[in-house]
Each structure stands twice: as structure tokens, then as C-alpha cells.
């Protein structure tokens, strides 16, 4: 009796684990489909000459030279 119950519990745990894994995969796929995406260009931020953070790149880039 005890042996068959252990086997039954193992099967139930495995079934539950499999269901959780499938649900997690479905939720991840939904998140990927719903994301706006855009990649790196959307995440980039620039600092203008006034020190403000803006999302558009500077039109004229001047490289500052430092002398020691």
C-alpha cells in the first residue's frame, strides 16, 4: 500500500511541475508579444550641453579635450 501511494505522489508532483513549467512558458510568450520592444535605441539617453537628460542624440558633437 505504501509503495503504490509513493508512486502516485511522485506522478502527481511530476504532473504539477510540468503544468507549472508550461504555464510559465505561456506567460513568458505573452510578455514577449506584449512588449513594445525597440531594442537599444529606445533605451538610450543623452545628456545635452545644459546637463539635461534627453532621448534625442546631439546634432553637433564636439569632443572636449583635456590638458593636464
N, C-alpha and C. Protein backbone atom coordinates (compact mmCIF):
# COMPACT_ATOMS: atom_id res chain seq x y z
N UNK A 1 0.82 -1.20 0.00
CA UNK A 1 0.00 0.00 0.00
C UNK A 1 0.86 1.26 0.00
N UNK A 2 1.86 1.27 0.86
CA UNK A 2 2.69 2.47 0.96
C UNK A 2 3.47 2.72 -0.33
N UNK A 3 3.91 1.67 -0.96
CA UNK A 3 4.69 1.82 -2.18
C UNK A 3 3.85 2.41 -3.31
N UNK A 4 2.65 1.97 -3.47
CA UNK A 4 1.81 2.49 -4.54
C UNK A 4 1.45 3.95 -4.30
N UNK A 5 1.28 4.32 -3.03
CA UNK A 5 0.97 5.72 -2.72
C UNK A 5 2.16 6.62 -3.02
N UNK A 6 3.36 6.13 -2.74
CA UNK A 6 4.55 6.92 -3.05
C UNK A 6 4.66 7.14 -4.56
N UNK A 7 4.41 6.10 -5.33
CA UNK A 7 4.48 6.21 -6.78
C UNK A 7 3.43 7.19 -7.28
N UNK A 8 2.25 7.12 -6.71
CA UNK A 8 1.17 8.04 -7.09
C UNK A 8 1.58 9.48 -6.79
N UNK A 9 2.16 9.72 -5.63
CA UNK A 9 2.58 11.08 -5.25
C UNK A 9 3.68 11.58 -6.19
N UNK A 10 4.60 10.71 -6.55
CA UNK A 10 5.65 11.10 -7.49
C UNK A 10 5.06 11.54 -8.82
N UNK A 11 4.08 10.76 -9.29
CA UNK A 11 3.44 11.10 -10.55
C UNK A 11 2.69 12.42 -10.45
N UNK A 12 2.03 12.65 -9.33
CA UNK A 12 1.29 13.89 -9.13
C UNK A 12 2.24 15.08 -9.09
N UNK A 13 3.36 14.94 -8.37
CA UNK A 13 4.34 16.03 -8.29
C UNK A 13 4.91 16.35 -9.67
N UNK A 14 5.24 15.29 -10.42
CA UNK A 14 5.78 15.49 -11.76
C UNK A 14 4.76 16.17 -12.66
N UNK A 15 3.51 15.77 -12.56
CA UNK A 15 2.44 16.38 -13.35
C UNK A 15 2.28 17.86 -12.99
N UNK A 16 2.32 18.16 -11.70
CA UNK A 16 2.19 19.54 -11.24
C UNK A 16 3.37 20.39 -11.73
N UNK A 17 4.58 19.81 -11.65
CA UNK A 17 5.78 20.52 -12.11
C UNK A 17 5.69 20.82 -13.61
N UNK A 18 5.21 19.86 -14.36
CA UNK A 18 5.08 20.03 -15.81
C UNK A 18 4.06 21.12 -16.14
N UNK A 19 2.93 21.15 -15.42
CA UNK A 19 1.92 22.18 -15.63
C UNK A 19 2.46 23.57 -15.32
N UNK A 20 3.21 23.69 -14.21
CA UNK A 20 3.79 24.97 -13.84
C UNK A 20 4.77 25.46 -14.90
N UNK A 21 5.56 24.52 -15.44
CA UNK A 21 6.54 24.89 -16.46
C UNK A 21 5.84 25.37 -17.73
N UNK A 22 4.77 24.68 -18.12
CA UNK A 22 4.02 25.09 -19.30
C UNK A 22 3.36 26.45 -19.10
N UNK A 23 2.77 26.68 -17.92
CA UNK A 23 2.15 27.96 -17.62
C UNK A 23 3.17 29.09 -17.66
N UNK A 24 4.35 28.81 -17.12
CA UNK A 24 5.41 29.82 -17.11
C UNK A 24 5.84 30.15 -18.53
N UNK A 25 5.94 29.15 -19.39
CA UNK A 25 6.32 29.38 -20.78
C UNK A 25 5.26 30.20 -21.51
N UNK A 26 4.00 29.92 -21.23
CA UNK A 26 2.91 30.67 -21.86
C UNK A 26 2.94 32.13 -21.41
N UNK A 27 3.13 32.36 -20.11
CA UNK A 27 3.20 33.74 -19.61
C UNK A 27 4.38 34.49 -20.20
N UNK A 28 5.53 33.82 -20.33
CA UNK A 28 6.71 34.46 -20.92
C UNK A 28 6.45 34.83 -22.37
N UNK A 29 5.79 33.96 -23.10
CA UNK A 29 5.47 34.25 -24.50
C UNK A 29 4.52 35.43 -24.61
N UNK A 30 3.55 35.51 -23.70
CA UNK A 30 2.62 36.64 -23.71
C UNK A 30 3.35 37.95 -23.41
N UNK A 31 4.30 37.90 -22.48
CA UNK A 31 5.07 39.12 -22.16
C UNK A 31 5.88 39.56 -23.37
N UNK A 32 6.51 38.60 -24.06
CA UNK A 32 7.30 38.94 -25.25
C UNK A 32 6.42 39.54 -26.34
N UNK A 33 5.22 39.01 -26.50
CA UNK A 33 4.32 39.51 -27.53
C UNK A 33 3.78 40.90 -27.18
N UNK A 34 3.60 41.17 -25.90
CA UNK A 34 3.01 42.44 -25.47
C UNK A 34 4.05 43.54 -25.32
N UNK A 35 5.34 43.20 -25.30
CA UNK A 35 6.35 44.22 -25.08
C UNK A 35 6.45 45.14 -26.30
N UNK A 36 6.78 46.39 -26.02
CA UNK A 36 6.90 47.37 -27.10
C UNK A 36 8.17 47.14 -27.90
N UNK A 37 9.15 46.53 -27.28
CA UNK A 37 10.39 46.22 -27.99
C UNK A 37 11.17 47.47 -28.32
N UNK A 38 11.82 47.48 -29.45
CA UNK A 38 12.57 48.64 -29.87
C UNK A 38 14.05 48.47 -29.68
N UNK A 39 14.45 47.72 -28.72
CA UNK A 39 15.86 47.44 -28.52
C UNK A 39 16.63 48.58 -27.88
N UNK A 40 17.88 48.68 -28.27
CA UNK A 40 18.81 49.61 -27.64
C UNK A 40 18.46 51.07 -27.93
N UNK A 41 17.94 51.38 -29.10
CA UNK A 41 17.62 52.76 -29.45
C UNK A 41 16.58 53.36 -28.50
N UNK A 42 15.66 52.56 -28.05
CA UNK A 42 14.62 53.05 -27.14
C UNK A 42 15.20 53.32 -25.75
N UNK A 43 16.20 52.54 -25.36
CA UNK A 43 16.78 52.68 -24.02
C UNK A 43 17.84 53.76 -23.91
N UNK A 44 18.34 54.26 -25.03
CA UNK A 44 19.43 55.24 -24.99
C UNK A 44 18.95 56.59 -24.49
N UNK A 45 19.80 57.23 -23.70
CA UNK A 45 19.53 58.57 -23.21
C UNK A 45 20.81 59.38 -23.38
N UNK A 46 20.66 60.65 -23.68
CA UNK A 46 21.81 61.53 -23.92
C UNK A 46 21.73 62.71 -22.97
N UNK A 47 22.87 63.30 -22.70
CA UNK A 47 22.93 64.49 -21.87
C UNK A 47 23.29 65.66 -22.77
N UNK A 48 22.45 66.69 -22.78
CA UNK A 48 22.73 67.84 -23.63
C UNK A 48 23.69 68.79 -22.93
N UNK A 49 24.01 69.91 -23.59
CA UNK A 49 25.00 70.84 -23.04
C UNK A 49 24.53 71.52 -21.76
N UNK A 50 23.23 71.52 -21.49
CA UNK A 50 22.72 72.09 -20.25
C UNK A 50 22.69 71.08 -19.11
N UNK A 51 23.07 69.85 -19.37
CA UNK A 51 23.09 68.82 -18.34
C UNK A 51 21.77 68.10 -18.17
N UNK A 52 20.85 68.30 -19.10
CA UNK A 52 19.55 67.65 -19.02
C UNK A 52 19.59 66.33 -19.79
N UNK A 53 18.85 65.35 -19.29
CA UNK A 53 18.79 64.06 -19.97
C UNK A 53 17.69 64.11 -21.02
N UNK A 54 18.05 63.80 -22.27
CA UNK A 54 17.11 63.84 -23.39
C UNK A 54 17.20 62.52 -24.15
N UNK A 55 16.18 62.25 -24.97
CA UNK A 55 16.18 60.99 -25.72
C UNK A 55 16.65 61.16 -27.16
N UNK A 56 16.91 62.38 -27.60
CA UNK A 56 17.40 62.60 -28.95
C UNK A 56 18.91 62.81 -28.92
N UNK A 57 19.63 62.24 -29.86
CA UNK A 57 21.08 62.41 -29.87
C UNK A 57 21.45 63.85 -30.25
N UNK A 58 22.60 64.32 -29.82
CA UNK A 58 23.01 65.68 -30.15
C UNK A 58 23.27 65.82 -31.65
N UNK A 59 22.95 66.99 -32.18
CA UNK A 59 23.15 67.22 -33.62
C UNK A 59 24.61 67.45 -33.94
N UNK A 60 25.24 68.30 -33.14
CA UNK A 60 26.66 68.56 -33.38
C UNK A 60 27.44 68.13 -32.14
N UNK A 61 28.25 67.14 -32.33
CA UNK A 61 29.01 66.57 -31.23
C UNK A 61 30.40 67.18 -31.22
N UNK A 62 30.76 67.83 -30.12
CA UNK A 62 32.08 68.41 -30.00
C UNK A 62 32.84 67.65 -28.92
N UNK A 63 33.98 67.12 -29.29
CA UNK A 63 34.77 66.37 -28.36
C UNK A 63 35.58 67.32 -27.50
N UNK A 64 35.46 67.17 -26.20
CA UNK A 64 36.19 68.03 -25.27
C UNK A 64 37.61 67.50 -25.10
N UNK A 65 38.58 68.40 -25.13
CA UNK A 65 39.97 67.99 -24.92
C UNK A 65 40.39 68.48 -23.55
N UNK A 66 41.07 67.64 -22.85
CA UNK A 66 41.56 67.98 -21.51
C UNK A 66 43.07 68.07 -21.55
N UNK A 67 43.60 69.08 -20.91
CA UNK A 67 45.04 69.24 -20.82
C UNK A 67 45.45 69.18 -19.36
N UNK A 68 46.48 68.44 -19.13
CA UNK A 68 46.97 68.30 -17.74
C UNK A 68 48.25 69.03 -17.55
